[in-house]
Amino acid sequence: MQRIIVTCCLTVAIAVSLAATAAAQREDWTRPFPGHRVIGNLYAVGTYDLAVFLVTSNDGHFLINTGLEDSVPLIRENIESLGFQLEDVKVLLTTQAHWDHTAALAEIKEITGAEMWATAGDAPVLEDGGFSDPHFGGRQSFPPVAVDRIIEDGEELELGNTRLTVLLSPGHTAGSVSYTMAMYENGVDYDVIIANMATINEGKRLVVEPTYPGVADDFAETFRKQKALSIDVWVASHGGQYNLHDKYEPGQRYNPDTFYDPEGFRSEVERLEQLYLEQLAAEKR
């Protein structure tokens, strides 16, 4: 009986701890954070942890990701604080088709008239509001958004004088994607990436009853491609992934080297790859 009571107490304690962690995470997802310039024409306009990026041009702008469904006023405020207008967004992009990054896309598309561009792997999930997501699907988790164009690996996306190169980075979702840019500031060339990092959500299966066919190979290919890159400046889908709050404080004066972190990018890719290899080995036992 005593053992049963101890076990029950431990189970309750774990559940309480997980609930507290989830609550703290959601608070960081909705907590306002000031918009700021990352480097060149790349700006962060999201929340404390949910990364949203504005990439400007002389012919309208790219907006990459959103926050939760009620995040439009915050995104608008951050964009306007930097001297731009939400209505000048011409193209919507994502790094991954999970609800915490997509829930305001439909509203922003309606406000701006922007086109939604997406990978073939994530387009169906965007269009059915997350219902077909192989991991979290079975229900609609965000407002569906119509996809106007499919983007492909290595494709160069153009708006005015701005170029983004598509780097498919699947695994986290079937169509996860990163975008690379070349920047030139004060006589220095910078290779920049807006990265979707290959994290493995709890409950995802790689080889034994895989979450989707080929997911293990997708992760492996993403690690291979990301390790082959030479990156100077990087950001990612969550502020915590690229140590936003260690690198930048609100009101900090702009410096193109604020997010300069080539070793940090490679180290994080290698850390995530090791976690992947450990799960792969565990599933094969």
C-alpha atoms as a PDB file:
ATOM      1  CA  MET A   1       0.000   0.000   0.000  1.00  0.00           C
ATOM      2  CA  GLN A   2       2.806   2.405   0.912  1.00  0.00           C
ATOM      3  CA  ARG A   3       4.492   1.715  -2.441  1.00  0.00           C
ATOM      4  CA  ILE A   4       1.221   2.466  -4.267  1.00  0.00           C
ATOM      5  CA  ILE A   5       0.821   5.743  -2.380  1.00  0.00           C
ATOM      6  CA  VAL A   6       4.405   6.786  -3.170  1.00  0.00           C
ATOM      7  CA  THR A   7       3.895   5.911  -6.850  1.00  0.00           C
ATOM      8  CA  CYS A   8       0.661   7.923  -6.990  1.00  0.00           C
ATOM      9  CA  CYS A   9       2.333  10.902  -5.324  1.00  0.00           C
ATOM     10  CA  LEU A  10       5.197  10.787  -7.823  1.00  0.00           C
ATOM     11  CA  THR A  11       2.745  10.590 -10.735  1.00  0.00           C
ATOM     12  CA  VAL A  12       0.821  13.592  -9.438  1.00  0.00           C
ATOM     13  CA  ALA A  13       4.048  15.536  -8.858  1.00  0.00           C
ATOM     14  CA  ILE A  14       5.237  14.832 -12.422  1.00  0.00           C
ATOM     15  CA  ALA A  15       1.857  15.875 -13.844  1.00  0.00           C
ATOM     16  CA  VAL A  16       1.902  19.115 -11.840  1.00  0.00           C
ATOM     17  CA  SER A  17       5.459  19.835 -12.973  1.00  0.00           C
ATOM     18  CA  LEU A  18       4.586  19.224 -16.644  1.00  0.00           C
ATOM     19  CA  ALA A  19       1.522  21.463 -16.366  1.00  0.00           C
ATOM     20  CA  ALA A  20       3.606  24.241 -14.818  1.00  0.00           C
ATOM     21  CA  THR A  21       6.202  23.904 -17.595  1.00  0.00           C
ATOM     22  CA  ALA A  22       3.499  24.070 -20.269  1.00  0.00           C
ATOM     23  CA  ALA A  23       1.957  27.146 -18.637  1.00  0.00           C
ATOM     24  CA  ALA A  24       5.335  28.900 -18.507  1.00  0.00           C
ATOM     25  CA  GLN A  25       5.990  27.988 -22.132  1.00  0.00           C
ATOM     26  CA  ARG A  26       2.654  29.380 -23.261  1.00  0.00           C
ATOM     27  CA  GLU A  27       3.308  32.579 -21.302  1.00  0.00           C
ATOM     28  CA  ASP A  28       6.582  33.024 -23.213  1.00  0.00           C
ATOM     29  CA  TRP A  29       4.700  32.386 -26.474  1.00  0.00           C
ATOM     30  CA  THR A  30       2.290  35.253 -25.800  1.00  0.00           C
ATOM     31  CA  ARG A  31       4.542  37.642 -23.882  1.00  0.00           C
ATOM     32  CA  PRO A  32       5.245  40.802 -25.923  1.00  0.00           C
ATOM     33  CA  PHE A  33       8.798  41.467 -27.003  1.00  0.00           C
ATOM     34  CA  PRO A  34       9.947  44.545 -28.928  1.00  0.00           C
ATOM     35  CA  GLY A  35      10.621  44.289 -32.630  1.00  0.00           C
ATOM     36  CA  HIS A  36      14.285  44.660 -33.528  1.00  0.00           C
ATOM     37  CA  ARG A  37      16.671  44.520 -36.439  1.00  0.00           C
ATOM     38  CA  VAL A  38      18.628  41.276 -36.667  1.00  0.00           C
ATOM     39  CA  ILE A  39      20.888  42.204 -39.567  1.00  0.00           C
ATOM     40  CA  GLY A  40      20.430  44.111 -42.812  1.00  0.00           C
ATOM     41  CA  ASN A  41      16.797  43.904 -43.911  1.00  0.00           C
ATOM     42  CA  LEU A  42      15.935  41.040 -41.546  1.00  0.00           C
ATOM     43  CA  TYR A  43      13.820  42.003 -38.524  1.00  0.00           C
ATOM     44  CA  ALA A  44      12.343  40.025 -35.621  1.00  0.00           C
ATOM     45  CA  VAL A  45       8.705  40.987 -34.963  1.00  0.00           C
ATOM     46  CA  GLY A  46       7.388  38.102 -32.853  1.00  0.00           C
ATOM     47  CA  THR A  47       6.847  37.402 -29.169  1.00  0.00           C
ATOM     48  CA  TYR A  48       9.299  36.589 -26.393  1.00  0.00           C
ATOM     49  CA  ASP A  49       9.757  33.052 -27.741  1.00  0.00           C
ATOM     50  CA  LEU A  50       7.661  32.536 -30.896  1.00  0.00           C
ATOM     51  CA  ALA A  51       9.832  33.886 -33.681  1.00  0.00           C
ATOM     52  CA  VAL A  52       8.253  35.914 -36.494  1.00  0.00           C
ATOM     53  CA  PHE A  53      10.514  37.518 -39.082  1.00  0.00           C
ATOM     54  CA  LEU A  54       9.980  40.417 -41.470  1.00  0.00           C
ATOM     55  CA  VAL A  55      12.284  40.498 -44.485  1.00  0.00           C
ATOM     56  CA  THR A  56      11.847  43.813 -46.248  1.00  0.00           C
ATOM     57  CA  SER A  57      12.283  44.871 -49.856  1.00  0.00           C
ATOM     58  CA  ASN A  58      11.619  47.885 -52.049  1.00  0.00           C
ATOM     59  CA  ASP A  59       8.556  46.072 -53.432  1.00  0.00           C
ATOM     60  CA  GLY A  60       6.810  44.736 -50.341  1.00  0.00           C
ATOM     61  CA  HIS A  61       7.899  42.319 -47.657  1.00  0.00           C
ATOM     62  CA  PHE A  62       8.122  38.665 -46.671  1.00  0.00           C
ATOM     63  CA  LEU A  63       6.595  37.672 -43.319  1.00  0.00           C
ATOM     64  CA  ILE A  64       7.818  34.344 -41.952  1.00  0.00           C
ATOM     65  CA  ASN A  65       5.624  32.639 -39.309  1.00  0.00           C
ATOM     66  CA  THR A  66       3.096  34.099 -36.900  1.00  0.00           C
ATOM     67  CA  GLY A  67       2.409  33.526 -33.254  1.00  0.00           C
ATOM     68  CA  LEU A  68      -0.855  32.225 -31.827  1.00  0.00           C
ATOM     69  CA  GLU A  69      -4.247  33.131 -33.243  1.00  0.00           C
ATOM     70  CA  ASP A  70      -4.502  36.447 -31.357  1.00  0.00           C
ATOM     71  CA  SER A  71      -0.968  37.606 -32.237  1.00  0.00           C
ATOM     72  CA  VAL A  72      -1.826  39.964 -35.115  1.00  0.00           C
ATOM     73  CA  PRO A  73      -2.003  43.180 -33.018  1.00  0.00           C
ATOM     74  CA  LEU A  74       1.394  42.432 -31.461  1.00  0.00           C
ATOM     75  CA  ILE A  75       2.976  41.628 -34.826  1.00  0.00           C
ATOM     76  CA  ARG A  76       1.487  44.782 -36.317  1.00  0.00           C
ATOM     77  CA  GLU A  77       2.787  46.892 -33.436  1.00  0.00           C
ATOM     78  CA  ASN A  78       6.299  45.470 -33.785  1.00  0.00           C
ATOM     79  CA  ILE A  79       6.327  46.001 -37.547  1.00  0.00           C
ATOM     80  CA  GLU A  80       5.140  49.607 -37.195  1.00  0.00           C
ATOM     81  CA  SER A  81       7.680  50.315 -34.433  1.00  0.00           C
ATOM     82  CA  LEU A  82      10.387  49.537 -37.001  1.00  0.00           C
ATOM     83  CA  GLY A  83       8.959  51.932 -39.569  1.00  0.00           C
ATOM     84  CA  PHE A  84       7.095  49.436 -41.777  1.00  0.00           C
ATOM     85  CA  GLN A  85       3.448  48.547 -42.400  1.00  0.00           C
ATOM     86  CA  LEU A  86       1.759  45.168 -42.048  1.00  0.00           C
ATOM     87  CA  GLU A  87      -0.269  45.947 -45.169  1.00  0.00           C
ATOM     88  CA  ASP A  88       2.953  46.004 -47.231  1.00  0.00           C
ATOM     89  CA  VAL A  89       3.536  42.282 -46.628  1.00  0.00           C
ATOM     90  CA  LYS A  90       3.280  40.573 -50.031  1.00  0.00           C
ATOM     91  CA  VAL A  91       4.342  36.995 -49.239  1.00  0.00           C
ATOM     92  CA  LEU A  92       3.659  34.788 -46.219  1.00  0.00           C
ATOM     93  CA  LEU A  93       6.050  31.933 -45.420  1.00  0.00           C
ATOM     94  CA  THR A  94       6.481  29.446 -42.592  1.00  0.00           C
ATOM     95  CA  THR A  95       9.346  27.436 -41.161  1.00  0.00           C
ATOM     96  CA  GLN A  96       6.992  24.651 -40.011  1.00  0.00           C
ATOM     97  CA  ALA A  97       3.264  23.923 -40.137  1.00  0.00           C
ATOM     98  CA  HIS A  98       2.582  23.657 -36.405  1.00  0.00           C
ATOM     99  CA  TRP A  99      -0.202  25.720 -34.883  1.00  0.00           C
ATOM    100  CA  ASP A 100       2.038  27.848 -32.667  1.00  0.00           C
ATOM    101  CA  HIS A 101       3.680  29.266 -35.825  1.00  0.00           C
ATOM    102  CA  THR A 102       0.703  29.338 -38.180  1.00  0.00           C
ATOM    103  CA  ALA A 103      -2.421  30.312 -36.256  1.00  0.00           C
ATOM    104  CA  ALA A 104      -2.601  33.932 -37.474  1.00  0.00           C
ATOM    105  CA  LEU A 105      -1.672  33.303 -41.116  1.00  0.00           C
ATOM    106  CA  ALA A 106      -5.266  33.272 -42.395  1.00  0.00           C
ATOM    107  CA  GLU A 107      -6.074  36.580 -40.679  1.00  0.00           C
ATOM    108  CA  ILE A 108      -2.923  38.282 -41.962  1.00  0.00           C
ATOM    109  CA  LYS A 109      -3.577  36.937 -45.459  1.00  0.00           C
ATOM    110  CA  GLU A 110      -7.057  38.476 -45.359  1.00  0.00           C
ATOM    111  CA  ILE A 111      -5.772  41.818 -44.035  1.00  0.00           C
ATOM    112  CA  THR A 112      -2.886  42.173 -46.480  1.00  0.00           C
ATOM    113  CA  GLY A 113      -3.940  40.227 -49.561  1.00  0.00           C
ATOM    114  CA  ALA A 114      -0.521  38.538 -49.400  1.00  0.00           C
ATOM    115  CA  GLU A 115       0.131  35.216 -51.083  1.00  0.00           C
ATOM    116  CA  MET A 116       0.837  32.132 -48.983  1.00  0.00           C
ATOM    117  CA  TRP A 117       3.870  30.193 -50.229  1.00  0.00           C
ATOM    118  CA  ALA A 118       4.680  26.802 -48.711  1.00  0.00           C
ATOM    119  CA  THR A 119       6.520  23.534 -49.242  1.00  0.00           C
ATOM    120  CA  ALA A 120       4.739  20.525 -50.705  1.00  0.00           C
ATOM    121  CA  GLY A 121       5.142  18.702 -47.389  1.00  0.00           C
ATOM    122  CA  ASP A 122       3.460  21.385 -45.290  1.00  0.00           C
ATOM    123  CA  ALA A 123       0.904  22.813 -47.745  1.00  0.00           C
ATOM    124  CA  PRO A 124      -1.831  20.211 -47.028  1.00  0.00           C
ATOM    125  CA  VAL A 125      -1.485  20.801 -43.279  1.00  0.00           C
ATOM    126  CA  LEU A 126      -1.811  24.570 -43.749  1.00  0.00           C
ATOM    127  CA  GLU A 127      -4.863  24.156 -45.954  1.00  0.00           C
ATOM    128  CA  ASP A 128      -6.750  21.882 -43.533  1.00  0.00           C
ATOM    129  CA  GLY A 129      -5.770  23.778 -40.389  1.00  0.00           C
ATOM    130  CA  GLY A 130      -3.533  21.052 -38.984  1.00  0.00           C
ATOM    131  CA  PHE A 131      -6.004  18.180 -39.387  1.00  0.00           C
ATOM    132  CA  SER A 132      -3.651  16.089 -41.551  1.00  0.00           C
ATOM    133  CA  ASP A 133      -0.562  16.697 -39.411  1.00  0.00           C
ATOM    134  CA  PRO A 134       0.843  13.165 -38.880  1.00  0.00           C
ATOM    135  CA  HIS A 135       1.885  13.889 -35.301  1.00  0.00           C
ATOM    136  CA  PHE A 136      -0.621  16.359 -33.839  1.00  0.00           C
ATOM    137  CA  GLY A 137      -3.455  15.993 -36.354  1.00  0.00           C
ATOM    138  CA  GLY A 138      -6.921  14.491 -36.251  1.00  0.00           C
ATOM    139  CA  ARG A 139      -8.443  17.860 -35.407  1.00  0.00           C
ATOM    140  CA  GLN A 140      -8.245  21.409 -36.685  1.00  0.00           C
ATOM    141  CA  SER A 141      -5.761  23.340 -34.531  1.00  0.00           C
ATOM    142  CA  PHE A 142      -5.600  26.641 -36.438  1.00  0.00           C
ATOM    143  CA  PRO A 143      -7.629  28.476 -39.094  1.00  0.00           C
ATOM    144  CA  PRO A 144      -6.929  26.952 -42.531  1.00  0.00           C
ATOM    145  CA  VAL A 145      -5.035  29.093 -45.006  1.00  0.00           C
ATOM    146  CA  ALA A 146      -5.037  28.646 -48.784  1.00  0.00           C
ATOM    147  CA  VAL A 147      -1.624  28.050 -50.340  1.00  0.00           C
ATOM    148  CA  ASP A 148      -0.960  30.032 -53.526  1.00  0.00           C
ATOM    149  CA  ARG A 149       2.430  28.616 -54.509  1.00  0.00           C
ATOM    150  CA  ILE A 150       4.578  25.584 -53.742  1.00  0.00           C
ATOM    151  CA  ILE A 151       8.237  26.367 -53.056  1.00  0.00           C
ATOM    152  CA  GLU A 152      11.052  23.888 -53.672  1.00  0.00           C
ATOM    153  CA  ASP A 153      14.505  23.120 -52.306  1.00  0.00           C
ATOM    154  CA  GLY A 154      17.133  25.485 -53.715  1.00  0.00           C
ATOM    155  CA  GLU A 155      14.560  27.855 -55.192  1.00  0.00           C
ATOM    156  CA  GLU A 156      15.326  31.561 -54.988  1.00  0.00           C
ATOM    157  CA  LEU A 157      12.382  33.609 -53.739  1.00  0.00           C
ATOM    158  CA  GLU A 158      12.330  37.204 -54.974  1.00  0.00           C
ATOM    159  CA  LEU A 159      10.609  40.368 -53.844  1.00  0.00           C
ATOM    160  CA  GLY A 160      12.046  43.561 -55.267  1.00  0.00           C
ATOM    161  CA  ASN A 161      15.737  43.650 -54.361  1.00  0.00           C
ATOM    162  CA  THR A 162      15.493  40.839 -51.779  1.00  0.00           C
ATOM    163  CA  ARG A 163      16.397  37.183 -52.314  1.00  0.00           C
ATOM    164  CA  LEU A 164      15.727  34.214 -50.037  1.00  0.00           C
ATOM    165  CA  THR A 165      16.993  30.738 -50.903  1.00  0.00           C
ATOM    166  CA  VAL A 166      14.824  27.797 -49.847  1.00  0.00           C
ATOM    167  CA  LEU A 167      16.524  25.041 -47.835  1.00  0.00           C
ATOM    168  CA  LEU A 168      14.160  22.158 -47.177  1.00  0.00           C
ATOM    169  CA  SER A 169      14.699  21.002 -43.571  1.00  0.00           C
ATOM    170  CA  PRO A 170      12.121  18.245 -42.985  1.00  0.00           C
ATOM    171  CA  GLY A 171      11.762  15.992 -40.007  1.00  0.00           C
ATOM    172  CA  HIS A 172      10.201  18.284 -37.428  1.00  0.00           C
ATOM    173  CA  THR A 173       7.345  18.426 -39.922  1.00  0.00           C
ATOM    174  CA  ALA A 174       7.251  16.788 -43.342  1.00  0.00           C
ATOM    175  CA  GLY A 175       7.746  20.176 -44.991  1.00  0.00           C
ATOM    176  CA  SER A 176       9.856  22.126 -42.495  1.00  0.00           C
ATOM    177  CA  VAL A 177      11.995  24.697 -44.255  1.00  0.00           C
ATOM    178  CA  SER A 178      14.816  27.174 -43.646  1.00  0.00           C
ATOM    179  CA  TYR A 179      15.774  30.237 -45.667  1.00  0.00           C
ATOM    180  CA  THR A 180      19.292  31.486 -46.369  1.00  0.00           C
ATOM    181  CA  MET A 181      20.323  35.029 -47.291  1.00  0.00           C
ATOM    182  CA  ALA A 182      23.501  36.833 -48.246  1.00  0.00           C
ATOM    183  CA  MET A 183      24.061  40.142 -46.436  1.00  0.00           C
ATOM    184  CA  TYR A 184      26.643  42.879 -46.873  1.00  0.00           C
ATOM    185  CA  GLU A 185      27.166  45.323 -43.989  1.00  0.00           C
ATOM    186  CA  ASN A 186      29.978  47.811 -43.446  1.00  0.00           C
ATOM    187  CA  GLY A 187      32.234  46.085 -45.952  1.00  0.00           C
ATOM    188  CA  VAL A 188      31.620  42.617 -44.513  1.00  0.00           C
ATOM    189  CA  ASP A 189      29.770  39.685 -46.123  1.00  0.00           C
ATOM    190  CA  TYR A 190      27.485  37.649 -43.881  1.00  0.00           C
ATOM    191  CA  ASP A 191      25.821  34.300 -44.606  1.00  0.00           C
ATOM    192  CA  VAL A 192      22.488  34.314 -42.784  1.00  0.00           C
ATOM    193  CA  ILE A 193      19.920  31.604 -42.074  1.00  0.00           C
ATOM    194  CA  ILE A 194      16.373  31.695 -40.762  1.00  0.00           C
ATOM    195  CA  ALA A 195      16.524  28.102 -39.598  1.00  0.00           C
ATOM    196  CA  ASN A 196      14.027  25.481 -38.691  1.00  0.00           C
ATOM    197  CA  MET A 197      15.987  23.347 -36.268  1.00  0.00           C
ATOM    198  CA  ALA A 198      15.478  19.586 -36.409  1.00  0.00           C
ATOM    199  CA  THR A 199      13.995  19.092 -32.958  1.00  0.00           C
ATOM    200  CA  ILE A 200      12.059  15.914 -32.147  1.00  0.00           C
ATOM    201  CA  ASN A 201       8.748  16.522 -30.401  1.00  0.00           C
ATOM    202  CA  GLU A 202       7.797  14.237 -27.536  1.00  0.00           C
ATOM    203  CA  GLY A 203       6.080  11.111 -28.812  1.00  0.00           C
ATOM    204  CA  LYS A 204       7.510  11.298 -32.325  1.00  0.00           C
ATOM    205  CA  ARG A 205       8.565   7.927 -33.723  1.00  0.00           C
ATOM    206  CA  LEU A 206      11.419   7.538 -36.204  1.00  0.00           C
ATOM    207  CA  VAL A 207      11.568   3.895 -37.312  1.00  0.00           C
ATOM    208  CA  VAL A 208       9.175   1.804 -35.222  1.00  0.00           C
ATOM    209  CA  GLU A 209       5.701   2.777 -36.391  1.00  0.00           C
ATOM    210  CA  PRO A 210       7.182   6.051 -37.701  1.00  0.00           C
ATOM    211  CA  THR A 211       5.149   9.223 -37.361  1.00  0.00           C
ATOM    212  CA  TYR A 212       5.253   9.492 -41.140  1.00  0.00           C
ATOM    213  CA  PRO A 213       7.026   7.337 -43.762  1.00  0.00           C
ATOM    214  CA  GLY A 214      10.639   8.392 -44.249  1.00  0.00           C
ATOM    215  CA  VAL A 215      10.813  10.684 -41.213  1.00  0.00           C
ATOM    216  CA  ALA A 216      14.155   9.227 -40.045  1.00  0.00           C
ATOM    217  CA  ASP A 217      15.717   9.802 -43.464  1.00  0.00           C
ATOM    218  CA  ASP A 218      14.309  13.341 -43.525  1.00  0.00           C
ATOM    219  CA  PHE A 219      15.999  14.192 -40.236  1.00  0.00           C
ATOM    220  CA  ALA A 220      19.289  12.686 -41.429  1.00  0.00           C
ATOM    221  CA  GLU A 221      19.211  14.730 -44.635  1.00  0.00           C
ATOM    222  CA  THR A 222      18.419  17.925 -42.746  1.00  0.00           C
ATOM    223  CA  PHE A 223      21.389  17.418 -40.420  1.00  0.00           C
ATOM    224  CA  ARG A 224      23.626  16.694 -43.408  1.00  0.00           C
ATOM    225  CA  LYS A 225      22.571  19.858 -45.247  1.00  0.00           C
ATOM    226  CA  GLN A 226      22.702  22.139 -42.229  1.00  0.00           C
ATOM    227  CA  LYS A 227      26.173  20.915 -41.185  1.00  0.00           C
ATOM    228  CA  ALA A 228      27.431  21.615 -44.712  1.00  0.00           C
ATOM    229  CA  LEU A 229      26.487  25.280 -44.456  1.00  0.00           C
ATOM    230  CA  SER A 230      28.868  28.081 -43.548  1.00  0.00           C
ATOM    231  CA  ILE A 231      26.671  30.367 -41.439  1.00  0.00           C
ATOM    232  CA  ASP A 232      27.621  33.625 -39.751  1.00  0.00           C
ATOM    233  CA  VAL A 233      24.285  34.851 -38.389  1.00  0.00           C
ATOM    234  CA  TRP A 234      21.363  32.619 -37.472  1.00  0.00           C
ATOM    235  CA  VAL A 235      17.895  32.813 -36.034  1.00  0.00           C
ATOM    236  CA  ALA A 236      15.301  30.062 -35.629  1.00  0.00           C
ATOM    237  CA  SER A 237      11.615  29.326 -35.055  1.00  0.00           C
ATOM    238  CA  HIS A 238      11.845  29.897 -31.297  1.00  0.00           C
ATOM    239  CA  GLY A 239      13.848  32.601 -29.564  1.00  0.00           C
ATOM    240  CA  GLY A 240      15.130  30.065 -27.063  1.00  0.00           C
ATOM    241  CA  GLN A 241      16.623  27.960 -29.831  1.00  0.00           C
ATOM    242  CA  TYR A 242      19.065  30.674 -30.921  1.00  0.00           C
ATOM    243  CA  ASN A 243      19.625  32.192 -27.448  1.00  0.00           C
ATOM    244  CA  LEU A 244      17.818  35.396 -28.368  1.00  0.00           C
ATOM    245  CA  HIS A 245      17.715  36.704 -24.809  1.00  0.00           C
ATOM    246  CA  ASP A 246      21.413  36.126 -24.208  1.00  0.00           C
ATOM    247  CA  LYS A 247      22.310  37.984 -27.392  1.00  0.00           C
ATOM    248  CA  TYR A 248      19.844  40.865 -27.394  1.00  0.00           C
ATOM    249  CA  GLU A 249      18.282  43.124 -24.760  1.00  0.00           C
ATOM    250  CA  PRO A 250      15.379  45.460 -25.563  1.00  0.00           C
ATOM    251  CA  GLY A 251      16.645  48.856 -26.600  1.00  0.00           C
ATOM    252  CA  GLN A 252      20.093  47.554 -27.460  1.00  0.00           C
ATOM    253  CA  ARG A 253      21.787  49.571 -30.191  1.00  0.00           C
ATOM    254  CA  TYR A 254      21.899  47.873 -33.585  1.00  0.00           C
ATOM    255  CA  ASN A 255      25.098  46.052 -34.449  1.00  0.00           C
ATOM    256  CA  PRO A 256      25.319  43.577 -37.347  1.00  0.00           C
ATOM    257  CA  ASP A 257      27.429  41.295 -35.140  1.00  0.00           C
ATOM    258  CA  THR A 258      24.834  40.978 -32.350  1.00  0.00           C
ATOM    259  CA  PHE A 259      23.643  37.650 -33.736  1.00  0.00           C
ATOM    260  CA  TYR A 260      26.993  36.607 -35.210  1.00  0.00           C
ATOM    261  CA  ASP A 261      27.374  33.031 -33.948  1.00  0.00           C
ATOM    262  CA  PRO A 262      28.802  30.523 -36.446  1.00  0.00           C
ATOM    263  CA  GLU A 263      29.985  28.124 -33.746  1.00  0.00           C
ATOM    264  CA  GLY A 264      26.651  28.293 -31.984  1.00  0.00           C
ATOM    265  CA  PHE A 265      24.777  27.227 -35.106  1.00  0.00           C
ATOM    266  CA  ARG A 266      26.983  24.246 -35.849  1.00  0.00           C
ATOM    267  CA  SER A 267      27.049  23.208 -32.196  1.00  0.00           C
ATOM    268  CA  GLU A 268      23.260  23.246 -31.962  1.00  0.00           C
ATOM    269  CA  VAL A 269      22.851  21.244 -35.169  1.00  0.00           C
ATOM    270  CA  GLU A 270      25.314  18.658 -33.854  1.00  0.00           C
ATOM    271  CA  ARG A 271      23.581  18.518 -30.454  1.00  0.00           C
ATOM    272  CA  LEU A 272      20.209  17.860 -32.080  1.00  0.00           C
ATOM    273  CA  GLU A 273      21.749  15.253 -34.361  1.00  0.00           C
ATOM    274  CA  GLN A 274      23.123  13.399 -31.336  1.00  0.00           C
ATOM    275  CA  LEU A 275      19.656  13.346 -29.745  1.00  0.00           C
ATOM    276  CA  TYR A 276      18.297  11.978 -33.018  1.00  0.00           C
ATOM    277  CA  LEU A 277      20.937   9.221 -33.134  1.00  0.00           C
ATOM    278  CA  GLU A 278      20.191   8.267 -29.523  1.00  0.00           C
ATOM    279  CA  GLN A 279      16.470   7.956 -30.218  1.00  0.00           C
ATOM    280  CA  LEU A 280      17.170   6.020 -33.403  1.00  0.00           C
ATOM    281  CA  ALA A 281      19.308   3.528 -31.455  1.00  0.00           C
ATOM    282  CA  ALA A 282      16.733   3.233 -28.672  1.00  0.00           C
ATOM    283  CA  GLU A 283      13.916   2.471 -31.122  1.00  0.00           C
ATOM    284  CA  LYS A 284      15.979  -0.231 -32.847  1.00  0.00           C
ATOM    285  CA  ARG A 285      16.761  -2.142 -29.641  1.00  0.00           C
END
